[in-house]
PDB file of N, CA and C in Angstrom:
ATOM      1  N   GLN A   1       0.453  28.178 -38.100  1.00  0.00           N
ATOM      2  CA  GLN A   1      -0.189  27.809 -39.342  1.00  0.00           C
ATOM      3  C   GLN A   1      -0.166  26.292 -39.532  1.00  0.00           C
ATOM      4  N   ALA A   2       0.934  25.658 -39.095  1.00  0.00           N
ATOM      5  CA  ALA A   2       1.017  24.198 -39.206  1.00  0.00           C
ATOM      6  C   ALA A   2      -0.036  23.536 -38.340  1.00  0.00           C
ATOM      7  N   ILE A   3      -0.228  24.055 -37.134  1.00  0.00           N
ATOM      8  CA  ILE A   3      -1.247  23.497 -36.238  1.00  0.00           C
ATOM      9  C   ILE A   3      -2.618  23.649 -36.863  1.00  0.00           C
ATOM     10  N   GLN A   4      -2.868  24.811 -37.455  1.00  0.00           N
ATOM     11  CA  GLN A   4      -4.144  25.033 -38.116  1.00  0.00           C
ATOM     12  C   GLN A   4      -4.361  24.037 -39.242  1.00  0.00           C
ATOM     13  N   ALA A   5      -3.347  23.791 -40.037  1.00  0.00           N
ATOM     14  CA  ALA A   5      -3.460  22.865 -41.165  1.00  0.00           C
ATOM     15  C   ALA A   5      -3.748  21.453 -40.677  1.00  0.00           C
ATOM     16  N   ILE A   6      -3.070  21.050 -39.620  1.00  0.00           N
ATOM     17  CA  ILE A   6      -3.278  19.708 -39.072  1.00  0.00           C
ATOM     18  C   ILE A   6      -4.711  19.537 -38.598  1.00  0.00           C
ATOM     19  N   ASN A   7      -5.266  20.585 -38.038  1.00  0.00           N
ATOM     20  CA  ASN A   7      -6.564  20.478 -37.395  1.00  0.00           C
ATOM     21  C   ASN A   7      -7.719  21.055 -38.201  1.00  0.00           C
ATOM     22  N   GLY A   8      -7.491  21.369 -39.460  1.00  0.00           N
ATOM     23  CA  GLY A   8      -8.586  21.757 -40.337  1.00  0.00           C
ATOM     24  C   GLY A   8      -8.984  23.215 -40.294  1.00  0.00           C
ATOM     25  N   TYR A   9      -8.135  24.084 -39.797  1.00  0.00           N
ATOM     26  CA  TYR A   9      -8.454  25.500 -39.752  1.00  0.00           C
ATOM     27  C   TYR A   9      -7.713  26.273 -40.841  1.00  0.00           C
ATOM     28  N   THR A  10      -7.486  25.659 -41.980  1.00  0.00           N
ATOM     29  CA  THR A  10      -6.671  26.277 -43.032  1.00  0.00           C
ATOM     30  C   THR A  10      -7.338  27.482 -43.667  1.00  0.00           C
ATOM     31  N   ASN A  11      -8.635  27.665 -43.482  1.00  0.00           N
ATOM     32  CA  ASN A  11      -9.310  28.811 -44.084  1.00  0.00           C
ATOM     33  C   ASN A  11      -9.151  30.075 -43.242  1.00  0.00           C
ATOM     34  N   MET A  12      -8.436  30.001 -42.111  1.00  0.00           N
ATOM     35  CA  MET A  12      -8.219  31.153 -41.246  1.00  0.00           C
ATOM     36  C   MET A  12      -6.750  31.556 -41.267  1.00  0.00           C
ATOM     37  N   SER A  13      -6.532  32.856 -41.156  1.00  0.00           N
ATOM     38  CA  SER A  13      -5.151  33.316 -40.975  1.00  0.00           C
ATOM     39  C   SER A  13      -4.736  33.003 -39.537  1.00  0.00           C
ATOM     40  N   ALA A  14      -3.440  33.082 -39.279  1.00  0.00           N
ATOM     41  CA  ALA A  14      -2.951  32.846 -37.916  1.00  0.00           C
ATOM     42  C   ALA A  14      -3.575  33.849 -36.951  1.00  0.00           C
ATOM     43  N   GLU A  15      -3.732  35.082 -37.386  1.00  0.00           N
ATOM     44  CA  GLU A  15      -4.334  36.113 -36.536  1.00  0.00           C
ATOM     45  C   GLU A  15      -5.804  35.798 -36.247  1.00  0.00           C
ATOM     46  N   GLU A  16      -6.550  35.377 -37.264  1.00  0.00           N
ATOM     47  CA  GLU A  16      -7.948  35.021 -37.064  1.00  0.00           C
ATOM     48  C   GLU A  16      -8.087  33.835 -36.112  1.00  0.00           C
ATOM     49  N   PHE A  17      -7.200  32.867 -36.256  1.00  0.00           N
ATOM     50  CA  PHE A  17      -7.212  31.695 -35.393  1.00  0.00           C
ATOM     51  C   PHE A  17      -6.948  32.098 -33.938  1.00  0.00           C
ATOM     52  N   THR A  18      -5.936  32.951 -33.742  1.00  0.00           N
ATOM     53  CA  THR A  18      -5.612  33.424 -32.398  1.00  0.00           C
ATOM     54  C   THR A  18      -6.782  34.195 -31.807  1.00  0.00           C
ATOM     55  N   ASN A  19      -7.401  35.046 -32.604  1.00  0.00           N
ATOM     56  CA  ASN A  19      -8.563  35.803 -32.132  1.00  0.00           C
ATOM     57  C   ASN A  19      -9.701  34.876 -31.731  1.00  0.00           C
ATOM     58  N   MET A  20      -9.924  33.817 -32.495  1.00  0.00           N
ATOM     59  CA  MET A  20     -10.971  32.862 -32.169  1.00  0.00           C
ATOM     60  C   MET A  20     -10.701  32.217 -30.812  1.00  0.00           C
ATOM     61  N   VAL A  21      -9.455  31.814 -30.585  1.00  0.00           N
ATOM     62  CA  VAL A  21      -9.098  31.189 -29.309  1.00  0.00           C
ATOM     63  C   VAL A  21      -9.310  32.177 -28.168  1.00  0.00           C
ATOM     64  N   PHE A  22      -8.849  33.407 -28.333  1.00  0.00           N
ATOM     65  CA  PHE A  22      -9.020  34.402 -27.280  1.00  0.00           C
ATOM     66  C   PHE A  22     -10.495  34.682 -27.014  1.00  0.00           C
ATOM     67  N   GLN A  23     -11.322  34.737 -28.054  1.00  0.00           N
ATOM     68  CA  GLN A  23     -12.752  34.975 -27.853  1.00  0.00           C
ATOM     69  C   GLN A  23     -13.373  33.863 -27.022  1.00  0.00           C
ATOM     70  N   LYS A  24     -12.876  32.658 -27.187  1.00  0.00           N
ATOM     71  CA  LYS A  24     -13.425  31.529 -26.454  1.00  0.00           C
ATOM     72  C   LYS A  24     -13.018  31.532 -24.989  1.00  0.00           C
ATOM     73  N   ILE A  25     -11.772  31.942 -24.689  1.00  0.00           N
ATOM     74  CA  ILE A  25     -11.296  31.722 -23.324  1.00  0.00           C
ATOM     75  C   ILE A  25     -10.782  32.962 -22.587  1.00  0.00           C
ATOM     76  N   ASP A  26     -10.714  34.122 -23.213  1.00  0.00           N
ATOM     77  CA  ASP A  26     -10.312  35.346 -22.517  1.00  0.00           C
ATOM     78  C   ASP A  26     -11.546  35.947 -21.856  1.00  0.00           C
ATOM     79  N   VAL A  27     -11.889  35.432 -20.694  1.00  0.00           N
ATOM     80  CA  VAL A  27     -13.149  35.752 -20.026  1.00  0.00           C
ATOM     81  C   VAL A  27     -13.276  37.241 -19.716  1.00  0.00           C
ATOM     82  N   ASN A  28     -12.215  37.870 -19.244  1.00  0.00           N
ATOM     83  CA  ASN A  28     -12.318  39.284 -18.870  1.00  0.00           C
ATOM     84  C   ASN A  28     -11.971  40.230 -20.016  1.00  0.00           C
ATOM     85  N   ASN A  29     -11.737  39.692 -21.192  1.00  0.00           N
ATOM     86  CA  ASN A  29     -11.491  40.478 -22.412  1.00  0.00           C
ATOM     87  C   ASN A  29     -10.372  41.505 -22.272  1.00  0.00           C
ATOM     88  N   ASP A  30      -9.299  41.125 -21.573  1.00  0.00           N
ATOM     89  CA  ASP A  30      -8.184  42.058 -21.428  1.00  0.00           C
ATOM     90  C   ASP A  30      -7.078  41.809 -22.456  1.00  0.00           C
ATOM     91  N   GLY A  31      -7.288  40.848 -23.355  1.00  0.00           N
ATOM     92  CA  GLY A  31      -6.295  40.562 -24.392  1.00  0.00           C
ATOM     93  C   GLY A  31      -5.140  39.716 -23.910  1.00  0.00           C
ATOM     94  N   GLU A  32      -5.227  39.251 -22.676  1.00  0.00           N
ATOM     95  CA  GLU A  32      -4.197  38.389 -22.106  1.00  0.00           C
ATOM     96  C   GLU A  32      -4.873  37.186 -21.473  1.00  0.00           C
ATOM     97  N   LEU A  33      -4.132  36.082 -21.430  1.00  0.00           N
ATOM     98  CA  LEU A  33      -4.676  34.879 -20.799  1.00  0.00           C
ATOM     99  C   LEU A  33      -3.877  34.558 -19.556  1.00  0.00           C
ATOM    100  N   SER A  34      -4.552  34.574 -18.411  1.00  0.00           N
ATOM    101  CA  SER A  34      -3.913  34.089 -17.191  1.00  0.00           C
ATOM    102  C   SER A  34      -3.944  32.567 -17.247  1.00  0.00           C
ATOM    103  N   LEU A  35      -3.148  31.939 -16.408  1.00  0.00           N
ATOM    104  CA  LEU A  35      -3.160  30.480 -16.350  1.00  0.00           C
ATOM    105  C   LEU A  35      -4.553  29.988 -15.985  1.00  0.00           C
ATOM    106  N   GLU A  36      -5.201  30.682 -15.066  1.00  0.00           N
ATOM    107  CA  GLU A  36      -6.551  30.296 -14.650  1.00  0.00           C
ATOM    108  C   GLU A  36      -7.537  30.380 -15.812  1.00  0.00           C
ATOM    109  N   GLU A  37      -7.495  31.475 -16.571  1.00  0.00           N
ATOM    110  CA  GLU A  37      -8.378  31.616 -17.732  1.00  0.00           C
ATOM    111  C   GLU A  37      -8.108  30.507 -18.744  1.00  0.00           C
ATOM    112  N   PHE A  38      -6.826  30.243 -18.989  1.00  0.00           N
ATOM    113  CA  PHE A  38      -6.456  29.216 -19.951  1.00  0.00           C
ATOM    114  C   PHE A  38      -6.999  27.863 -19.530  1.00  0.00           C
ATOM    115  N   ILE A  39      -6.744  27.477 -18.285  1.00  0.00           N
ATOM    116  CA  ILE A  39      -7.195  26.171 -17.798  1.00  0.00           C
ATOM    117  C   ILE A  39      -8.712  26.076 -17.842  1.00  0.00           C
ATOM    118  N   ASN A  40      -9.404  27.088 -17.328  1.00  0.00           N
ATOM    119  CA  ASN A  40     -10.869  27.059 -17.323  1.00  0.00           C
ATOM    120  C   ASN A  40     -11.439  27.046 -18.736  1.00  0.00           C
ATOM    121  N   GLY A  41     -10.846  27.842 -19.617  1.00  0.00           N
ATOM    122  CA  GLY A  41     -11.337  27.905 -20.994  1.00  0.00           C
ATOM    123  C   GLY A  41     -11.169  26.601 -21.741  1.00  0.00           C
ATOM    124  N   VAL A  42     -10.001  26.005 -21.605  1.00  0.00           N
ATOM    125  CA  VAL A  42      -9.736  24.736 -22.283  1.00  0.00           C
ATOM    126  C   VAL A  42     -10.600  23.629 -21.692  1.00  0.00           C
ATOM    127  N   GLU A  43     -10.764  23.673 -20.385  1.00  0.00           N
ATOM    128  CA  GLU A  43     -11.567  22.657 -19.705  1.00  0.00           C
ATOM    129  C   GLU A  43     -13.021  22.679 -20.181  1.00  0.00           C
ATOM    130  N   LYS A  44     -13.528  23.859 -20.504  1.00  0.00           N
ATOM    131  CA  LYS A  44     -14.930  24.018 -20.904  1.00  0.00           C
ATOM    132  C   LYS A  44     -15.157  23.846 -22.396  1.00  0.00           C
ATOM    133  N   ASP A  45     -14.101  23.844 -23.191  1.00  0.00           N
ATOM    134  CA  ASP A  45     -14.251  23.781 -24.650  1.00  0.00           C
ATOM    135  C   ASP A  45     -13.627  22.496 -25.180  1.00  0.00           C
ATOM    136  N   GLU A  46     -14.465  21.530 -25.480  1.00  0.00           N
ATOM    137  CA  GLU A  46     -14.003  20.211 -25.907  1.00  0.00           C
ATOM    138  C   GLU A  46     -13.163  20.270 -27.175  1.00  0.00           C
ATOM    139  N   ASP A  47     -13.568  21.096 -28.131  1.00  0.00           N
ATOM    140  CA  ASP A  47     -12.816  21.208 -29.388  1.00  0.00           C
ATOM    141  C   ASP A  47     -11.428  21.799 -29.155  1.00  0.00           C
ATOM    142  N   LEU A  48     -11.359  22.818 -28.308  1.00  0.00           N
ATOM    143  CA  LEU A  48     -10.071  23.429 -28.008  1.00  0.00           C
ATOM    144  C   LEU A  48      -9.177  22.463 -27.240  1.00  0.00           C
ATOM    145  N   MET A  49      -9.759  21.712 -26.317  1.00  0.00           N
ATOM    146  CA  MET A  49      -8.986  20.711 -25.578  1.00  0.00           C
ATOM    147  C   MET A  49      -8.395  19.685 -26.539  1.00  0.00           C
ATOM    148  N   GLU A  50      -9.184  19.225 -27.479  1.00  0.00           N
ATOM    149  CA  GLU A  50      -8.697  18.246 -28.458  1.00  0.00           C
ATOM    150  C   GLU A  50      -7.594  18.845 -29.323  1.00  0.00           C
ATOM    151  N   LEU A  51      -7.809  20.072 -29.784  1.00  0.00           N
ATOM    152  CA  LEU A  51      -6.811  20.757 -30.609  1.00  0.00           C
ATOM    153  C   LEU A  51      -5.485  20.868 -29.870  1.00  0.00           C
ATOM    154  N   ILE A  52      -5.539  21.285 -28.631  1.00  0.00           N
ATOM    155  CA  ILE A  52      -4.311  21.491 -27.859  1.00  0.00           C
ATOM    156  C   ILE A  52      -3.633  20.168 -27.542  1.00  0.00           C
ATOM    157  N   THR A  53      -4.377  19.170 -27.174  1.00  0.00           N
ATOM    158  CA  THR A  53      -3.742  17.898 -26.828  1.00  0.00           C
ATOM    159  C   THR A  53      -3.127  17.232 -28.054  1.00  0.00           C
ATOM    160  N   LYS A  54      -3.674  17.466 -29.235  1.00  0.00           N
ATOM    161  CA  LYS A  54      -3.088  16.913 -30.454  1.00  0.00           C
ATOM    162  C   LYS A  54      -1.849  17.686 -30.889  1.00  0.00           C
ATOM    163  N   SER A  55      -1.788  18.962 -30.543  1.00  0.00           N
ATOM    164  CA  SER A  55      -0.767  19.836 -31.096  1.00  0.00           C
ATOM    165  C   SER A  55       0.431  20.076 -30.194  1.00  0.00           C
ATOM    166  N   PHE A  56       0.242  19.964 -28.909  1.00  0.00           N
ATOM    167  CA  PHE A  56       1.306  20.321 -27.967  1.00  0.00           C
ATOM    168  C   PHE A  56       1.434  19.261 -26.894  1.00  0.00           C
ATOM    169  N   ASP A  57       2.619  19.184 -26.297  1.00  0.00           N
ATOM    170  CA  ASP A  57       2.798  18.368 -25.105  1.00  0.00           C
ATOM    171  C   ASP A  57       2.574  19.270 -23.904  1.00  0.00           C
ATOM    172  N   LEU A  58       1.352  19.318 -23.462  1.00  0.00           N
ATOM    173  CA  LEU A  58       0.992  20.127 -22.301  1.00  0.00           C
ATOM    174  C   LEU A  58       0.569  19.216 -21.155  1.00  0.00           C
ATOM    175  N   SER A  59       1.288  18.141 -20.976  1.00  0.00           N
ATOM    176  CA  SER A  59       0.905  17.156 -19.972  1.00  0.00           C
ATOM    177  C   SER A  59       0.838  17.765 -18.576  1.00  0.00           C
ATOM    178  N   ASN A  60       1.725  18.702 -18.250  1.00  0.00           N
ATOM    179  CA  ASN A  60       1.669  19.329 -16.929  1.00  0.00           C
ATOM    180  C   ASN A  60       0.398  20.151 -16.754  1.00  0.00           C
ATOM    181  N   VAL A  61      -0.017  20.868 -17.795  1.00  0.00           N
ATOM    182  CA  VAL A  61      -1.250  21.644 -17.734  1.00  0.00           C
ATOM    183  C   VAL A  61      -2.447  20.704 -17.616  1.00  0.00           C
ATOM    184  N   LEU A  62      -2.435  19.634 -18.394  1.00  0.00           N
ATOM    185  CA  LEU A  62      -3.540  18.676 -18.347  1.00  0.00           C
ATOM    186  C   LEU A  62      -3.633  18.034 -16.970  1.00  0.00           C
ATOM    187  N   LYS A  63      -2.500  17.751 -16.338  1.00  0.00           N
ATOM    188  CA  LYS A  63      -2.508  17.199 -14.988  1.00  0.00           C
ATOM    189  C   LYS A  63      -3.146  18.176 -14.012  1.00  0.00           C
ATOM    190  N   ALA A  64      -2.842  19.453 -14.162  1.00  0.00           N
ATOM    191  CA  ALA A  64      -3.425  20.478 -13.298  1.00  0.00           C
ATOM    192  C   ALA A  64      -4.934  20.556 -13.492  1.00  0.00           C
ATOM    193  N   ILE A  65      -5.389  20.454 -14.743  1.00  0.00           N
ATOM    194  CA  ILE A  65      -6.822  20.482 -15.033  1.00  0.00           C
ATOM    195  C   ILE A  65      -7.507  19.275 -14.403  1.00  0.00           C
ATOM    196  N   GLN A  66      -6.923  18.106 -14.556  1.00  0.00           N
ATOM    197  CA  GLN A  66      -7.520  16.886 -14.029  1.00  0.00           C
ATOM    198  C   GLN A  66      -7.552  16.859 -12.514  1.00  0.00           C
ATOM    199  N   SER A  67      -6.548  17.443 -11.872  1.00  0.00           N
ATOM    200  CA  SER A  67      -6.504  17.422 -10.415  1.00  0.00           C
ATOM    201  C   SER A  67      -7.366  18.511  -9.794  1.00  0.00           C
ATOM    202  N   GLY A  68      -7.854  19.425 -10.640  1.00  0.00           N
ATOM    203  CA  GLY A  68      -8.738  20.480 -10.166  1.00  0.00           C
ATOM    204  C   GLY A  68      -7.969  21.606  -9.559  1.00  0.00           C
TER     205      GLY A  68
END
């Protein structure tokens, strides 16, 4: 909820926010995110990439994305 407030998603519940993220990047719709799905999804969604980089220290994940 704090992340949502920081990034302007205060009109959504935590569950709605999570569902939105999964809809964007859970490619096979199995309700789980593999590392590959996560990396590909974040890489393709500029808004999600910005949200995550502002909210978390995921420097190792970002390095993996940048190195391909």
